[in-house]
Amino acid sequence: MNISARNVFEGTVTEIKEGATTAHVIIDVKGLHFTASITNESVEQLHLHVGGKVKVVIKSSDVMVAVE
């Protein structure tokens, strides 16, 4: 796989929460957990499953979290 994104991390799928159309895929990367929101169709096409090895690709202009 060749990709222009610089932030690529290898991890393991720890949980898949499927909704009506969208799934949240939780991925462990050296103790850090990333959540990807993708279509259920993508979960099937990528053959994702708990314990599967994947790559997390982060390409984002903004990441925001706030609390008071």
PDB file of N, CA and C in Angstrom:
ATOM      1  N   MET A   1       0.849  -1.170   0.000  1.00  0.00           N
ATOM      2  CA  MET A   1       0.000   0.000   0.000  1.00  0.00           C
ATOM      3  C   MET A   1       0.893   1.231   0.000  1.00  0.00           C
ATOM      4  N   ASN A   2       0.698   2.108  -0.949  1.00  0.00           N
ATOM      5  CA  ASN A   2       1.380   3.393  -0.978  1.00  0.00           C
ATOM      6  C   ASN A   2       0.355   4.473  -0.716  1.00  0.00           C
ATOM      7  N   ILE A   3       0.700   5.407   0.174  1.00  0.00           N
ATOM      8  CA  ILE A   3      -0.241   6.459   0.544  1.00  0.00           C
ATOM      9  C   ILE A   3       0.553   7.704   0.925  1.00  0.00           C
ATOM     10  N   SER A   4      -0.013   8.874   0.667  1.00  0.00           N
ATOM     11  CA  SER A   4       0.705  10.112   0.953  1.00  0.00           C
ATOM     12  C   SER A   4       0.616  10.537   2.414  1.00  0.00           C
ATOM     13  N   ALA A   5      -0.321   9.990   3.167  1.00  0.00           N
ATOM     14  CA  ALA A   5      -0.474  10.367   4.572  1.00  0.00           C
ATOM     15  C   ALA A   5       0.764   9.952   5.362  1.00  0.00           C
ATOM     16  N   ARG A   6       1.195  10.802   6.264  1.00  0.00           N
ATOM     17  CA  ARG A   6       2.387  10.525   7.064  1.00  0.00           C
ATOM     18  C   ARG A   6       2.072   9.750   8.341  1.00  0.00           C
ATOM     19  N   ASN A   7       0.848   9.853   8.822  1.00  0.00           N
ATOM     20  CA  ASN A   7       0.486   9.237  10.094  1.00  0.00           C
ATOM     21  C   ASN A   7      -0.204   7.900   9.864  1.00  0.00           C
ATOM     22  N   VAL A   8       0.601   6.849   9.782  1.00  0.00           N
ATOM     23  CA  VAL A   8       0.101   5.493   9.574  1.00  0.00           C
ATOM     24  C   VAL A   8       0.644   4.622  10.707  1.00  0.00           C
ATOM     25  N   PHE A   9      -0.271   3.956  11.426  1.00  0.00           N
ATOM     26  CA  PHE A   9       0.109   3.145  12.573  1.00  0.00           C
ATOM     27  C   PHE A   9      -0.478   1.745  12.438  1.00  0.00           C
ATOM     28  N   GLU A  10       0.284   0.729  12.792  1.00  0.00           N
ATOM     29  CA  GLU A  10      -0.217  -0.642  12.768  1.00  0.00           C
ATOM     30  C   GLU A  10      -0.913  -0.940  14.082  1.00  0.00           C
ATOM     31  N   GLY A  11      -2.066  -1.621  13.994  1.00  0.00           N
ATOM     32  CA  GLY A  11      -2.815  -1.932  15.195  1.00  0.00           C
ATOM     33  C   GLY A  11      -3.651  -3.183  15.038  1.00  0.00           C
ATOM     34  N   THR A  12      -4.460  -3.446  16.068  1.00  0.00           N
ATOM     35  CA  THR A  12      -5.320  -4.625  16.110  1.00  0.00           C
ATOM     36  C   THR A  12      -6.742  -4.198  16.425  1.00  0.00           C
ATOM     37  N   VAL A  13      -7.684  -4.719  15.667  1.00  0.00           N
ATOM     38  CA  VAL A  13      -9.098  -4.422  15.924  1.00  0.00           C
ATOM     39  C   VAL A  13      -9.494  -5.082  17.242  1.00  0.00           C
ATOM     40  N   THR A  14     -10.051  -4.280  18.160  1.00  0.00           N
ATOM     41  CA  THR A  14     -10.468  -4.819  19.457  1.00  0.00           C
ATOM     42  C   THR A  14     -11.982  -4.904  19.582  1.00  0.00           C
ATOM     43  N   GLU A  15     -12.710  -4.109  18.780  1.00  0.00           N
ATOM     44  CA  GLU A  15     -14.171  -4.122  18.862  1.00  0.00           C
ATOM     45  C   GLU A  15     -14.756  -3.512  17.602  1.00  0.00           C
ATOM     46  N   ILE A  16     -15.902  -4.035  17.175  1.00  0.00           N
ATOM     47  CA  ILE A  16     -16.653  -3.473  16.056  1.00  0.00           C
ATOM     48  C   ILE A  16     -18.086  -3.297  16.523  1.00  0.00           C
ATOM     49  N   LYS A  17     -18.570  -2.049  16.527  1.00  0.00           N
ATOM     50  CA  LYS A  17     -19.944  -1.739  16.932  1.00  0.00           C
ATOM     51  C   LYS A  17     -20.717  -1.315  15.693  1.00  0.00           C
ATOM     52  N   GLU A  18     -21.517  -2.218  15.138  1.00  0.00           N
ATOM     53  CA  GLU A  18     -22.271  -1.902  13.931  1.00  0.00           C
ATOM     54  C   GLU A  18     -23.606  -1.269  14.268  1.00  0.00           C
ATOM     55  N   GLY A  19     -23.931  -0.187  13.564  1.00  0.00           N
ATOM     56  CA  GLY A  19     -25.216   0.476  13.681  1.00  0.00           C
ATOM     57  C   GLY A  19     -26.042   0.176  12.444  1.00  0.00           C
ATOM     58  N   ALA A  20     -27.040   1.005  12.184  1.00  0.00           N
ATOM     59  CA  ALA A  20     -27.913   0.793  11.031  1.00  0.00           C
ATOM     60  C   ALA A  20     -27.143   0.883   9.715  1.00  0.00           C
ATOM     61  N   THR A  21     -26.236   1.871   9.601  1.00  0.00           N
ATOM     62  CA  THR A  21     -25.463   2.042   8.367  1.00  0.00           C
ATOM     63  C   THR A  21     -23.976   2.225   8.620  1.00  0.00           C
ATOM     64  N   THR A  22     -23.628   2.632   9.835  1.00  0.00           N
ATOM     65  CA  THR A  22     -22.246   2.977  10.159  1.00  0.00           C
ATOM     66  C   THR A  22     -21.728   2.115  11.299  1.00  0.00           C
ATOM     67  N   ALA A  23     -20.463   1.763  11.221  1.00  0.00           N
ATOM     68  CA  ALA A  23     -19.816   0.983  12.275  1.00  0.00           C
ATOM     69  C   ALA A  23     -18.715   1.808  12.911  1.00  0.00           C
ATOM     70  N   HIS A  24     -18.511   1.607  14.209  1.00  0.00           N
ATOM     71  CA  HIS A  24     -17.370   2.178  14.911  1.00  0.00           C
ATOM     72  C   HIS A  24     -16.391   1.035  15.145  1.00  0.00           C
ATOM     73  N   VAL A  25     -15.211   1.180  14.588  1.00  0.00           N
ATOM     74  CA  VAL A  25     -14.180   0.159  14.688  1.00  0.00           C
ATOM     75  C   VAL A  25     -13.117   0.674  15.660  1.00  0.00           C
ATOM     76  N   ILE A  26     -12.941  -0.036  16.764  1.00  0.00           N
ATOM     77  CA  ILE A  26     -11.970   0.367  17.764  1.00  0.00           C
ATOM     78  C   ILE A  26     -10.681  -0.421  17.524  1.00  0.00           C
ATOM     79  N   ILE A  27      -9.577   0.318  17.453  1.00  0.00           N
ATOM     80  CA  ILE A  27      -8.291  -0.269  17.110  1.00  0.00           C
ATOM     81  C   ILE A  27      -7.265   0.083  18.177  1.00  0.00           C
ATOM     82  N   ASP A  28      -6.550  -0.927  18.663  1.00  0.00           N
ATOM     83  CA  ASP A  28      -5.501  -0.735  19.654  1.00  0.00           C
ATOM     84  C   ASP A  28      -4.162  -0.587  18.948  1.00  0.00           C
ATOM     85  N   VAL A  29      -3.479   0.508  19.254  1.00  0.00           N
ATOM     86  CA  VAL A  29      -2.130   0.749  18.736  1.00  0.00           C
ATOM     87  C   VAL A  29      -1.226   0.984  19.941  1.00  0.00           C
ATOM     88  N   LYS A  30      -0.523  -0.041  20.357  1.00  0.00           N
ATOM     89  CA  LYS A  30       0.416   0.045  21.490  1.00  0.00           C
ATOM     90  C   LYS A  30      -0.232   0.665  22.720  1.00  0.00           C
ATOM     91  N   GLY A  31      -1.444   0.220  23.052  1.00  0.00           N
ATOM     92  CA  GLY A  31      -2.128   0.698  24.240  1.00  0.00           C
ATOM     93  C   GLY A  31      -2.983   1.926  24.036  1.00  0.00           C
ATOM     94  N   LEU A  32      -2.887   2.571  22.899  1.00  0.00           N
ATOM     95  CA  LEU A  32      -3.757   3.700  22.563  1.00  0.00           C
ATOM     96  C   LEU A  32      -4.909   3.175  21.713  1.00  0.00           C
ATOM     97  N   HIS A  33      -6.110   3.696  21.955  1.00  0.00           N
ATOM     98  CA  HIS A  33      -7.278   3.229  21.216  1.00  0.00           C
ATOM     99  C   HIS A  33      -7.772   4.307  20.257  1.00  0.00           C
ATOM    100  N   PHE A  34      -7.909   3.923  19.007  1.00  0.00           N
ATOM    101  CA  PHE A  34      -8.430   4.798  17.975  1.00  0.00           C
ATOM    102  C   PHE A  34      -9.792   4.267  17.553  1.00  0.00           C
ATOM    103  N   THR A  35     -10.718   5.171  17.246  1.00  0.00           N
ATOM    104  CA  THR A  35     -12.032   4.771  16.762  1.00  0.00           C
ATOM    105  C   THR A  35     -12.223   5.315  15.359  1.00  0.00           C
ATOM    106  N   ALA A  36     -12.525   4.431  14.426  1.00  0.00           N
ATOM    107  CA  ALA A  36     -12.820   4.820  13.053  1.00  0.00           C
ATOM    108  C   ALA A  36     -14.311   4.632  12.819  1.00  0.00           C
ATOM    109  N   SER A  37     -14.941   5.628  12.232  1.00  0.00           N
ATOM    110  CA  SER A  37     -16.355   5.547  11.882  1.00  0.00           C
ATOM    111  C   SER A  37     -16.434   5.305  10.384  1.00  0.00           C
ATOM    112  N   ILE A  38     -16.837   4.085   9.998  1.00  0.00           N
ATOM    113  CA  ILE A  38     -16.892   3.713   8.587  1.00  0.00           C
ATOM    114  C   ILE A  38     -18.227   3.015   8.304  1.00  0.00           C
ATOM    115  N   THR A  39     -18.543   2.840   7.045  1.00  0.00           N
ATOM    116  CA  THR A  39     -19.799   2.175   6.700  1.00  0.00           C
ATOM    117  C   THR A  39     -19.732   0.687   7.027  1.00  0.00           C
ATOM    118  N   ASN A  40     -20.896   0.107   7.282  1.00  0.00           N
ATOM    119  CA  ASN A  40     -20.960  -1.343   7.491  1.00  0.00           C
ATOM    120  C   ASN A  40     -20.454  -2.077   6.252  1.00  0.00           C
ATOM    121  N   GLU A  41     -20.731  -1.514   5.088  1.00  0.00           N
ATOM    122  CA  GLU A  41     -20.274  -2.119   3.834  1.00  0.00           C
ATOM    123  C   GLU A  41     -18.742  -2.185   3.795  1.00  0.00           C
ATOM    124  N   SER A  42     -18.082  -1.143   4.284  1.00  0.00           N
ATOM    125  CA  SER A  42     -16.614  -1.140   4.323  1.00  0.00           C
ATOM    126  C   SER A  42     -16.080  -2.201   5.273  1.00  0.00           C
ATOM    127  N   VAL A  43     -16.762  -2.409   6.398  1.00  0.00           N
ATOM    128  CA  VAL A  43     -16.363  -3.461   7.336  1.00  0.00           C
ATOM    129  C   VAL A  43     -16.367  -4.802   6.614  1.00  0.00           C
ATOM    130  N   GLU A  44     -17.413  -5.047   5.843  1.00  0.00           N
ATOM    131  CA  GLU A  44     -17.516  -6.306   5.103  1.00  0.00           C
ATOM    132  C   GLU A  44     -16.457  -6.403   4.012  1.00  0.00           C
ATOM    133  N   GLN A  45     -16.316  -5.335   3.216  1.00  0.00           N
ATOM    134  CA  GLN A  45     -15.370  -5.363   2.095  1.00  0.00           C
ATOM    135  C   GLN A  45     -13.927  -5.528   2.547  1.00  0.00           C
ATOM    136  N   LEU A  46     -13.598  -4.963   3.719  1.00  0.00           N
ATOM    137  CA  LEU A  46     -12.236  -5.068   4.244  1.00  0.00           C
ATOM    138  C   LEU A  46     -12.033  -6.330   5.083  1.00  0.00           C
ATOM    139  N   HIS A  47     -13.118  -7.107   5.249  1.00  0.00           N
ATOM    140  CA  HIS A  47     -13.075  -8.336   6.045  1.00  0.00           C
ATOM    141  C   HIS A  47     -12.559  -8.068   7.462  1.00  0.00           C
ATOM    142  N   LEU A  48     -13.042  -6.955   8.054  1.00  0.00           N
ATOM    143  CA  LEU A  48     -12.597  -6.601   9.399  1.00  0.00           C
ATOM    144  C   LEU A  48     -13.218  -7.535  10.422  1.00  0.00           C
ATOM    145  N   HIS A  49     -12.421  -7.882  11.436  1.00  0.00           N
ATOM    146  CA  HIS A  49     -12.890  -8.732  12.522  1.00  0.00           C
ATOM    147  C   HIS A  49     -12.026  -8.472  13.757  1.00  0.00           C
ATOM    148  N   VAL A  50     -12.582  -8.744  14.913  1.00  0.00           N
ATOM    149  CA  VAL A  50     -11.840  -8.576  16.160  1.00  0.00           C
ATOM    150  C   VAL A  50     -10.597  -9.458  16.110  1.00  0.00           C
ATOM    151  N   GLY A  51      -9.470  -8.877  16.444  1.00  0.00           N
ATOM    152  CA  GLY A  51      -8.194  -9.584  16.396  1.00  0.00           C
ATOM    153  C   GLY A  51      -7.451  -9.372  15.090  1.00  0.00           C
ATOM    154  N   GLY A  52      -8.119  -8.789  14.095  1.00  0.00           N
ATOM    155  CA  GLY A  52      -7.491  -8.568  12.804  1.00  0.00           C
ATOM    156  C   GLY A  52      -6.465  -7.452  12.851  1.00  0.00           C
ATOM    157  N   LYS A  53      -5.404  -7.605  12.084  1.00  0.00           N
ATOM    158  CA  LYS A  53      -4.354  -6.590  11.984  1.00  0.00           C
ATOM    159  C   LYS A  53      -4.749  -5.576  10.918  1.00  0.00           C
ATOM    160  N   VAL A  54      -4.646  -4.302  11.252  1.00  0.00           N
ATOM    161  CA  VAL A  54      -5.011  -3.221  10.336  1.00  0.00           C
ATOM    162  C   VAL A  54      -4.000  -2.087  10.454  1.00  0.00           C
ATOM    163  N   LYS A  55      -4.132  -1.121   9.584  1.00  0.00           N
ATOM    164  CA  LYS A  55      -3.344   0.103   9.678  1.00  0.00           C
ATOM    165  C   LYS A  55      -4.306   1.255   9.904  1.00  0.00           C
ATOM    166  N   VAL A  56      -3.962   2.109  10.858  1.00  0.00           N
ATOM    167  CA  VAL A  56      -4.730   3.323  11.124  1.00  0.00           C
ATOM    168  C   VAL A  56      -4.059   4.436  10.334  1.00  0.00           C
ATOM    169  N   VAL A  57      -4.824   5.094   9.475  1.00  0.00           N
ATOM    170  CA  VAL A  57      -4.305   6.190   8.677  1.00  0.00           C
ATOM    171  C   VAL A  57      -5.019   7.461   9.141  1.00  0.00           C
ATOM    172  N   ILE A  58      -4.247   8.424   9.624  1.00  0.00           N
ATOM    173  CA  ILE A  58      -4.833   9.665  10.121  1.00  0.00           C
ATOM    174  C   ILE A  58      -4.479  10.785   9.156  1.00  0.00           C
ATOM    175  N   LYS A  59      -5.500  11.368   8.576  1.00  0.00           N
ATOM    176  CA  LYS A  59      -5.338  12.506   7.682  1.00  0.00           C
ATOM    177  C   LYS A  59      -6.465  13.472   8.008  1.00  0.00           C
ATOM    178  N   SER A  60      -6.173  14.451   8.822  1.00  0.00           N
ATOM    179  CA  SER A  60      -7.221  15.341   9.299  1.00  0.00           C
ATOM    180  C   SER A  60      -6.709  16.760   9.403  1.00  0.00           C
ATOM    181  N   SER A  61      -7.559  17.702   9.062  1.00  0.00           N
ATOM    182  CA  SER A  61      -7.173  19.100   9.217  1.00  0.00           C
ATOM    183  C   SER A  61      -7.487  19.603  10.624  1.00  0.00           C
ATOM    184  N   ASP A  62      -8.458  18.986  11.305  1.00  0.00           N
ATOM    185  CA  ASP A  62      -8.855  19.406  12.650  1.00  0.00           C
ATOM    186  C   ASP A  62      -9.180  18.209  13.524  1.00  0.00           C
ATOM    187  N   VAL A  63      -8.757  18.271  14.759  1.00  0.00           N
ATOM    188  CA  VAL A  63      -9.174  17.323  15.770  1.00  0.00           C
ATOM    189  C   VAL A  63      -9.565  18.158  16.979  1.00  0.00           C
ATOM    190  N   MET A  64     -10.846  18.104  17.357  1.00  0.00           N
ATOM    191  CA  MET A  64     -11.313  18.944  18.458  1.00  0.00           C
ATOM    192  C   MET A  64     -12.002  18.133  19.539  1.00  0.00           C
ATOM    193  N   VAL A  65     -11.673  18.441  20.773  1.00  0.00           N
ATOM    194  CA  VAL A  65     -12.354  17.887  21.943  1.00  0.00           C
ATOM    195  C   VAL A  65     -12.326  18.995  22.984  1.00  0.00           C
ATOM    196  N   ALA A  66     -13.470  19.246  23.631  1.00  0.00           N
ATOM    197  CA  ALA A  66     -13.513  20.288  24.665  1.00  0.00           C
ATOM    198  C   ALA A  66     -14.423  19.869  25.795  1.00  0.00           C
ATOM    199  N   VAL A  67     -14.064  20.253  26.997  1.00  0.00           N
ATOM    200  CA  VAL A  67     -14.908  20.044  28.172  1.00  0.00           C
ATOM    201  C   VAL A  67     -14.797  21.272  29.054  1.00  0.00           C
ATOM    202  N   GLU A  68     -15.787  21.455  29.908  1.00  0.00           N
ATOM    203  CA  GLU A  68     -15.762  22.575  30.870  1.00  0.00           C
ATOM    204  C   GLU A  68     -15.755  21.980  32.254  1.00  0.00           C
TER     205      GLU A  68
END
